[in-house]
Amino acid sequence: MPSLFLIAHIHGCRVAINSDQIESIVHVPDVIPVPHCDPRVAGLFALRSRVLTLIDSQFVVTGERRTLQRGCLAVVVEIAGHYFGLAVDKVEDVVPLSAEKIQQCIQPDSHWQSVVSETVEVGEQLVMILDPAKLVSREQLMAA
């Protein structure tokens, strides 16, 4: 049976995120900066009476910080029992993908290798499957 994947964009590239890992997709109300923390942390935001860490996904991939402001789009995921918002440029759709279509032999660009280990064909285009846990550092998990 196919699994459902969200197709989103990070730094202009299409990525697939397994919907089993997604809590919701939100427009972030306000981003509160956190001084002296890991640069992948864009800040904190409130969602349904919870405080979540907003991850600058573009920074993790490229090393270039993105200014994230009120209204930016985030995919909320649960990692090790804690919720994080992963900043994305946009979301496209949720698509069913079968396990036979997932490929591990194609190596992504070096910028993406730390967060992507598999690719899948969506339509006629190859899309990287993002592992949300790899966007979050071990230290952040300990602090959450």
Protein backbone atom coordinates (compact mmCIF):
# COMPACT_ATOMS: atom_id res chain seq x y z
CA MET A 1 0.00 0.00 0.00
CA PRO A 2 1.41 3.42 -0.91
CA SER A 3 2.44 5.90 1.78
CA LEU A 4 1.43 9.55 1.62
CA PHE A 5 4.16 12.18 1.22
CA LEU A 6 3.94 15.96 1.39
CA ILE A 7 5.76 17.69 -1.46
CA ALA A 8 7.35 20.92 -0.24
CA HIS A 9 10.10 23.30 -1.36
CA ILE A 10 13.24 24.22 0.57
CA HIS A 11 15.68 26.66 -1.03
CA GLY A 12 13.84 26.20 -4.32
CA CYS A 13 14.19 22.39 -4.35
CA ARG A 14 11.32 19.91 -4.16
CA VAL A 15 11.42 17.52 -1.21
CA ALA A 16 9.07 14.79 -0.02
CA ILE A 17 8.25 14.34 3.68
CA ASN A 18 6.46 11.23 4.89
CA SER A 19 3.04 12.33 6.14
CA ASP A 20 3.33 9.92 9.10
CA GLN A 21 5.84 12.39 10.57
CA ILE A 22 3.74 15.52 10.00
CA GLU A 23 1.50 17.03 12.65
CA SER A 24 0.34 20.03 10.60
CA ILE A 25 1.31 22.79 8.19
CA VAL A 26 1.03 26.31 9.58
CA HIS A 27 1.73 29.95 8.90
CA VAL A 28 3.91 30.95 11.84
CA PRO A 29 2.23 33.76 13.80
CA ASP A 30 5.39 35.40 15.22
CA VAL A 31 9.01 34.31 15.31
CA ILE A 32 10.76 35.08 18.60
CA PRO A 33 14.56 35.09 18.16
CA VAL A 34 16.72 33.08 20.55
CA PRO A 35 20.11 34.70 21.15
CA HIS A 36 23.33 32.65 21.27
CA CYS A 37 21.82 29.38 20.01
CA ASP A 38 22.58 27.01 17.17
CA PRO A 39 22.20 28.98 13.90
CA ARG A 40 19.77 26.38 12.52
CA VAL A 41 17.25 27.64 15.11
CA ALA A 42 15.38 30.55 13.55
CA GLY A 43 13.50 31.17 16.78
CA LEU A 44 10.48 30.07 18.77
CA PHE A 45 6.78 30.34 17.99
CA ALA A 46 3.51 29.58 19.75
CA LEU A 47 1.07 27.06 18.34
CA ARG A 48 -2.07 25.92 20.18
CA SER A 49 -0.70 26.83 23.62
CA ARG A 50 2.65 25.13 22.92
CA VAL A 51 6.03 26.71 22.24
CA LEU A 52 7.82 25.17 19.26
CA THR A 53 11.33 25.57 17.91
CA LEU A 54 11.43 26.88 14.34
CA ILE A 55 14.21 25.30 12.29
CA ASP A 56 15.74 27.28 9.42
CA SER A 57 15.74 24.38 6.94
CA GLN A 58 17.55 26.43 4.32
CA PHE A 59 20.44 27.09 6.74
CA VAL A 60 20.85 23.37 7.45
CA VAL A 61 21.15 22.67 3.72
CA THR A 62 23.11 25.69 2.43
CA GLY A 63 24.69 27.41 5.43
CA GLU A 64 22.83 30.59 4.42
CA ARG A 65 20.43 31.99 7.00
CA ARG A 66 16.95 32.94 5.87
CA THR A 67 15.04 35.75 7.55
CA LEU A 68 11.87 34.12 8.82
CA GLN A 69 9.08 36.45 9.79
CA ARG A 70 5.43 36.41 10.75
CA GLY A 71 3.43 34.38 8.24
CA CYS A 72 6.29 32.15 7.08
CA LEU A 73 5.29 28.58 6.29
CA ALA A 74 6.32 25.68 8.55
CA VAL A 75 5.75 21.95 8.51
CA VAL A 76 5.22 20.85 12.12
CA VAL A 77 6.79 17.46 12.83
CA GLU A 78 7.20 15.31 15.91
CA ILE A 79 10.74 14.14 16.57
CA ALA A 80 11.53 12.04 19.65
CA GLY A 81 8.35 13.23 21.36
CA HIS A 82 8.98 16.94 20.73
CA TYR A 83 7.42 19.23 18.12
CA PHE A 84 9.43 21.37 15.72
CA GLY A 85 8.46 23.68 12.88
CA LEU A 86 10.53 23.16 9.73
CA ALA A 87 10.55 26.33 7.64
CA VAL A 88 9.70 25.68 3.99
CA ASP A 89 9.30 27.99 0.98
CA LYS A 90 5.99 26.46 -0.08
CA VAL A 91 3.98 23.24 -0.12
CA GLU A 92 2.52 21.66 -3.24
CA ASP A 93 0.44 18.61 -2.51
CA VAL A 94 0.19 15.29 -0.73
CA VAL A 95 0.88 12.36 -3.06
CA PRO A 96 0.75 8.58 -2.62
CA LEU A 97 4.12 6.91 -3.28
CA SER A 98 4.83 3.21 -3.30
CA ALA A 99 7.94 1.71 -1.71
CA GLU A 100 9.07 0.33 -5.10
CA LYS A 101 9.55 3.87 -6.41
CA ILE A 102 11.94 4.87 -3.61
CA GLN A 103 15.59 4.76 -4.68
CA GLN A 104 18.67 4.77 -2.48
CA CYS A 105 21.28 4.54 -5.21
CA ILE A 106 21.01 8.14 -6.43
CA GLN A 107 23.20 10.49 -4.40
CA PRO A 108 21.83 14.00 -3.86
CA ASP A 109 23.97 17.13 -4.16
CA SER A 110 26.52 17.43 -1.34
CA HIS A 111 24.49 20.17 0.39
CA TRP A 112 21.59 17.75 0.83
CA GLN A 113 23.45 14.56 1.79
CA SER A 114 23.19 15.21 5.54
CA VAL A 115 19.36 15.35 5.45
CA VAL A 116 18.43 13.16 2.45
CA SER A 117 19.27 9.50 1.83
CA GLU A 118 16.57 8.50 -0.65
CA THR A 119 14.89 9.85 -3.77
CA VAL A 120 11.58 9.09 -5.44
CA GLU A 121 10.04 9.83 -8.82
CA VAL A 122 7.02 12.12 -8.55
CA GLY A 123 5.39 12.60 -11.91
CA GLU A 124 8.40 12.78 -14.18
CA GLN A 125 10.73 14.50 -11.73
CA LEU A 126 13.09 13.04 -9.16
CA VAL A 127 12.35 14.36 -5.64
CA MET A 128 14.51 14.00 -2.53
CA ILE A 129 12.95 12.35 0.53
CA LEU A 130 13.76 14.54 3.53
CA ASP A 131 14.40 13.05 6.96
CA PRO A 132 13.05 15.71 9.37
CA ALA A 133 15.05 14.32 12.32
CA LYS A 134 18.28 15.09 10.48
CA LEU A 135 17.37 18.79 10.33
CA VAL A 136 17.33 18.91 14.14
CA SER A 137 20.60 18.56 16.04
CA ARG A 138 21.04 16.17 18.93
CA GLU A 139 21.61 19.16 21.26
CA GLN A 140 18.24 20.64 20.28
CA LEU A 141 16.51 17.37 21.05
CA MET A 142 18.13 17.36 24.50
CA ALA A 143 17.06 20.97 25.12
CA ALA A 144 13.48 20.41 23.91
